[in-house]
Amino acid sequence: MWYARGANGKLLPCDFPHWDDVYKTFRRWSAQGKFEQMHDRLRAQWREREERSDSPSAAVLDSQSTRRCKRSGSGRCG
């Protein structure tokens, strides 16, 4: 997750492996979808702990999570 936040890899803590090894592992795991898999497993474990179904039965969207571009068709939000 270090790279997911946009941190400079060369500033890793001393007890981490060499930054290049950490970066390569991050890239490989990202390409394999490992972070999404971890998230899904953690969510399922939490829901089980709370005695809920593994998958949510509903979702909530608000205006903050559904922003639109002012200029339609431009391909970019500005």
N, C-alpha and C. Protein backbone atom coordinates (compact mmCIF):
# COMPACT_ATOMS: atom_id res chain seq x y z
N MET A 1 0.81 -1.19 0.00
CA MET A 1 0.00 0.00 0.00
C MET A 1 0.86 1.26 0.00
N TRP A 2 2.12 1.11 0.28
CA TRP A 2 3.02 2.26 0.31
C TRP A 2 2.96 3.01 -1.02
N TYR A 3 3.02 2.28 -2.14
CA TYR A 3 3.01 2.93 -3.45
C TYR A 3 1.63 3.42 -3.82
N ALA A 4 0.59 2.80 -3.30
CA ALA A 4 -0.77 3.22 -3.63
C ALA A 4 -1.02 4.66 -3.21
N ARG A 5 -0.28 5.14 -2.21
CA ARG A 5 -0.45 6.51 -1.75
C ARG A 5 0.47 7.47 -2.47
N GLY A 6 1.26 6.98 -3.43
CA GLY A 6 2.12 7.86 -4.21
C GLY A 6 3.41 8.25 -3.52
N ALA A 7 3.86 7.48 -2.53
CA ALA A 7 5.08 7.81 -1.81
C ALA A 7 6.30 7.47 -2.66
N ASN A 8 7.38 8.17 -2.43
CA ASN A 8 8.64 7.89 -3.09
C ASN A 8 9.20 6.60 -2.52
N GLY A 9 9.37 5.59 -3.35
CA GLY A 9 9.82 4.28 -2.90
C GLY A 9 11.20 4.29 -2.29
N LYS A 10 12.02 5.24 -2.65
CA LYS A 10 13.37 5.27 -2.13
C LYS A 10 13.40 5.77 -0.69
N LEU A 11 12.25 6.18 -0.16
CA LEU A 11 12.18 6.65 1.22
C LEU A 11 11.54 5.62 2.14
N LEU A 12 11.64 4.33 1.79
CA LEU A 12 11.07 3.28 2.61
C LEU A 12 11.83 3.18 3.94
N PRO A 13 11.17 2.68 4.98
CA PRO A 13 11.87 2.47 6.25
C PRO A 13 13.04 1.51 6.07
N CYS A 14 14.02 1.62 6.93
CA CYS A 14 15.26 0.84 6.83
C CYS A 14 15.03 -0.66 6.90
N ASP A 15 14.00 -1.11 7.62
CA ASP A 15 13.80 -2.55 7.76
C ASP A 15 13.02 -3.16 6.60
N PHE A 16 12.68 -2.38 5.57
CA PHE A 16 12.04 -2.90 4.37
C PHE A 16 13.12 -3.42 3.43
N PRO A 17 12.74 -4.32 2.50
CA PRO A 17 13.71 -4.73 1.46
C PRO A 17 14.06 -3.53 0.58
N HIS A 18 15.02 -3.74 -0.32
CA HIS A 18 15.43 -2.68 -1.24
C HIS A 18 14.19 -2.16 -1.99
N TRP A 19 14.14 -0.86 -2.23
CA TRP A 19 12.95 -0.24 -2.80
C TRP A 19 12.55 -0.86 -4.13
N ASP A 20 13.53 -1.28 -4.93
CA ASP A 20 13.22 -1.86 -6.23
C ASP A 20 12.47 -3.19 -6.07
N ASP A 21 12.85 -3.98 -5.07
CA ASP A 21 12.14 -5.24 -4.81
C ASP A 21 10.71 -4.99 -4.34
N VAL A 22 10.55 -3.99 -3.49
CA VAL A 22 9.20 -3.64 -3.00
C VAL A 22 8.34 -3.18 -4.18
N TYR A 23 8.89 -2.36 -5.04
CA TYR A 23 8.16 -1.84 -6.19
C TYR A 23 7.75 -2.97 -7.13
N LYS A 24 8.68 -3.88 -7.42
CA LYS A 24 8.37 -5.00 -8.31
C LYS A 24 7.26 -5.87 -7.73
N THR A 25 7.31 -6.12 -6.44
CA THR A 25 6.28 -6.92 -5.79
C THR A 25 4.93 -6.20 -5.85
N PHE A 26 4.93 -4.90 -5.58
CA PHE A 26 3.70 -4.11 -5.67
C PHE A 26 3.10 -4.19 -7.07
N ARG A 27 3.93 -4.00 -8.09
CA ARG A 27 3.44 -4.05 -9.47
C ARG A 27 2.88 -5.42 -9.82
N ARG A 28 3.58 -6.48 -9.40
CA ARG A 28 3.11 -7.84 -9.69
C ARG A 28 1.78 -8.11 -9.01
N TRP A 29 1.68 -7.75 -7.72
CA TRP A 29 0.44 -7.96 -6.98
C TRP A 29 -0.70 -7.13 -7.57
N SER A 30 -0.42 -5.92 -8.01
CA SER A 30 -1.45 -5.07 -8.62
C SER A 30 -1.96 -5.70 -9.90
N ALA A 31 -1.04 -6.18 -10.73
CA ALA A 31 -1.44 -6.80 -12.00
C ALA A 31 -2.26 -8.07 -11.77
N GLN A 32 -1.98 -8.78 -10.69
CA GLN A 32 -2.70 -10.02 -10.38
C GLN A 32 -4.00 -9.77 -9.63
N GLY A 33 -4.28 -8.51 -9.28
CA GLY A 33 -5.51 -8.19 -8.56
C GLY A 33 -5.48 -8.59 -7.10
N LYS A 34 -4.27 -8.71 -6.53
CA LYS A 34 -4.14 -9.17 -5.14
C LYS A 34 -4.78 -8.21 -4.14
N PHE A 35 -4.70 -6.91 -4.38
CA PHE A 35 -5.26 -5.95 -3.42
C PHE A 35 -6.77 -6.03 -3.39
N GLU A 36 -7.38 -6.21 -4.56
CA GLU A 36 -8.83 -6.39 -4.61
C GLU A 36 -9.25 -7.68 -3.92
N GLN A 37 -8.45 -8.76 -4.12
CA GLN A 37 -8.74 -10.03 -3.47
C GLN A 37 -8.65 -9.90 -1.95
N MET A 38 -7.60 -9.21 -1.48
CA MET A 38 -7.45 -9.01 -0.03
C MET A 38 -8.64 -8.21 0.53
N HIS A 39 -9.04 -7.18 -0.20
CA HIS A 39 -10.17 -6.36 0.24
C HIS A 39 -11.44 -7.19 0.32
N ASP A 40 -11.68 -8.01 -0.71
CA ASP A 40 -12.88 -8.85 -0.71
C ASP A 40 -12.88 -9.84 0.44
N ARG A 41 -11.72 -10.46 0.71
CA ARG A 41 -11.64 -11.42 1.82
C ARG A 41 -11.85 -10.73 3.16
N LEU A 42 -11.24 -9.57 3.34
CA LEU A 42 -11.42 -8.83 4.60
C LEU A 42 -12.87 -8.42 4.80
N ARG A 43 -13.52 -7.96 3.71
CA ARG A 43 -14.92 -7.58 3.80
C ARG A 43 -15.77 -8.79 4.18
N ALA A 44 -15.52 -9.93 3.55
CA ALA A 44 -16.29 -11.14 3.85
C ALA A 44 -16.07 -11.58 5.30
N GLN A 45 -14.82 -11.51 5.77
CA GLN A 45 -14.54 -11.89 7.16
C GLN A 45 -15.23 -10.95 8.14
N TRP A 46 -15.22 -9.66 7.84
CA TRP A 46 -15.87 -8.70 8.71
C TRP A 46 -17.38 -8.93 8.75
N ARG A 47 -17.96 -9.16 7.57
CA ARG A 47 -19.40 -9.38 7.51
C ARG A 47 -19.77 -10.67 8.25
N GLU A 48 -18.93 -11.69 8.16
CA GLU A 48 -19.18 -12.93 8.90
C GLU A 48 -19.11 -12.66 10.40
N ARG A 49 -18.12 -11.89 10.80
CA ARG A 49 -17.98 -11.54 12.22
C ARG A 49 -19.21 -10.80 12.74
N GLU A 50 -19.79 -9.96 11.90
CA GLU A 50 -20.97 -9.20 12.25
C GLU A 50 -22.26 -9.98 12.01
N GLU A 51 -22.11 -11.26 11.63
CA GLU A 51 -23.23 -12.16 11.36
C GLU A 51 -24.13 -11.63 10.24
N ARG A 52 -23.49 -11.20 9.17
CA ARG A 52 -24.20 -10.73 7.98
C ARG A 52 -23.85 -11.64 6.81
N SER A 53 -24.60 -11.51 5.75
CA SER A 53 -24.32 -12.25 4.52
C SER A 53 -22.95 -11.83 3.99
N ASP A 54 -22.26 -12.74 3.28
CA ASP A 54 -20.93 -12.43 2.73
C ASP A 54 -20.94 -11.22 1.82
N SER A 55 -22.01 -11.05 1.06
CA SER A 55 -22.05 -9.92 0.14
C SER A 55 -23.19 -8.97 0.51
N PRO A 56 -22.97 -7.68 0.33
CA PRO A 56 -24.00 -6.70 0.67
C PRO A 56 -25.26 -6.88 -0.17
N SER A 57 -26.40 -6.57 0.43
CA SER A 57 -27.67 -6.69 -0.30
C SER A 57 -28.15 -5.34 -0.81
N ALA A 58 -27.48 -4.27 -0.45
CA ALA A 58 -27.89 -2.93 -0.88
C ALA A 58 -26.66 -2.02 -0.91
N ALA A 59 -26.80 -0.89 -1.59
CA ALA A 59 -25.73 0.11 -1.66
C ALA A 59 -26.36 1.49 -1.51
N VAL A 60 -25.56 2.44 -1.04
CA VAL A 60 -26.03 3.82 -0.89
C VAL A 60 -25.10 4.71 -1.70
N LEU A 61 -25.66 5.53 -2.56
CA LEU A 61 -24.91 6.51 -3.33
C LEU A 61 -25.42 7.89 -2.97
N ASP A 62 -24.50 8.82 -2.82
CA ASP A 62 -24.90 10.20 -2.56
C ASP A 62 -24.25 11.11 -3.60
N SER A 63 -24.55 12.38 -3.53
CA SER A 63 -24.04 13.31 -4.53
C SER A 63 -22.52 13.42 -4.50
N GLN A 64 -21.89 13.13 -3.39
CA GLN A 64 -20.43 13.19 -3.32
C GLN A 64 -19.79 12.03 -4.07
N SER A 65 -20.44 10.89 -4.10
CA SER A 65 -19.85 9.72 -4.76
C SER A 65 -20.29 9.57 -6.20
N THR A 66 -21.16 10.43 -6.68
CA THR A 66 -21.65 10.33 -8.06
C THR A 66 -21.48 11.64 -8.81
N ARG A 67 -20.34 12.28 -8.64
CA ARG A 67 -20.10 13.56 -9.33
C ARG A 67 -20.02 13.34 -10.83
N ARG A 68 -20.44 14.39 -11.56
CA ARG A 68 -20.41 14.34 -13.01
C ARG A 68 -19.53 15.45 -13.53
N CYS A 69 -19.12 15.32 -14.78
CA CYS A 69 -18.37 16.39 -15.43
C CYS A 69 -19.35 17.47 -15.86
N LYS A 70 -18.91 18.71 -15.79
CA LYS A 70 -19.74 19.81 -16.27
C LYS A 70 -19.82 19.80 -17.79
N ARG A 71 -18.70 19.42 -18.43
CA ARG A 71 -18.66 19.37 -19.89
C ARG A 71 -18.82 17.92 -20.33
N SER A 72 -19.93 17.58 -20.89
CA SER A 72 -20.13 16.21 -21.34
C SER A 72 -19.43 15.97 -22.68
N GLY A 73 -18.96 14.77 -22.89
CA GLY A 73 -18.33 14.41 -24.15
C GLY A 73 -16.89 14.81 -24.28
N SER A 74 -16.33 15.49 -23.28
CA SER A 74 -14.93 15.92 -23.39
C SER A 74 -13.96 14.81 -23.06
N GLY A 75 -14.44 13.77 -22.37
CA GLY A 75 -13.55 12.68 -22.00
C GLY A 75 -12.77 12.94 -20.72
N ARG A 76 -12.82 14.16 -20.23
CA ARG A 76 -12.10 14.50 -19.01
C ARG A 76 -12.97 15.33 -18.10
N CYS A 77 -12.79 15.15 -16.81
CA CYS A 77 -13.47 16.01 -15.84
C CYS A 77 -12.53 17.15 -15.50
N GLY A 78 -13.06 18.33 -15.37
CA GLY A 78 -12.16 19.45 -15.09
C GLY A 78 -12.62 20.33 -14.02
